[in-house]
């Protein structure tokens, strides 16, 4: 599952998401943007496209209806001309994310079972490869240790904008662990990015990719 399908699945499971809608035309995109509140992000939703950024399938920090309509046309035209053989669900209209980006994921090891991965997102993913791992299920102590093991832990702990909601990260990791235990059909999942903001603001999923055993 990719795009809006992955986001809808996670929302039904009670995970916190950035407000997101699927738009089929410019008018709907503009209407949803006004409902969400500017700035917004527009991105391609297609079951055939995993890496939207590399494919030029995202437009960020759109501040008004004119920018939204232009971005919508641009995304649809670019997708249609570059990938005529691929299916387009529509364009996701999403509240612009803010805060520190982290990644949360799970893959199933043939010997040990589901393994939880947590790390810094954004530029830090490639630059630092700063991640920690635990076998699922985890407890509260595991969740805290996973954060503190990161080389970039100080980035989480000492944001320029003030205290980051570290308790919300712990809660999310525990929720994620419980979700995996309850859903053995989920073979692999990648949440990237997950936005973390100031203390008390919680966390919000921006994008996700899910593989399910059929």
Foldseek 3Di string as FASTA:
>chain_A
DWDPVVVVVVVVLPAFAFDKDFDAALVVLQVVCVVSDDDKKKFWTFPPDDDGVVLVGIDGRHGHSVSSRVSQVVNVVSCCVVPVPTDTPGMMIGHHFDAWWKKWKWAADPPQGIKIKIGGADPCCVVPVFIDIDRAPDDLVVQVVRLVSTPVSVCQQPPPVAGWQSVLSSVVSNSVRVVCVVAVQWRMKMFTTWHIGHHPPHIHTHTMDTDGHD
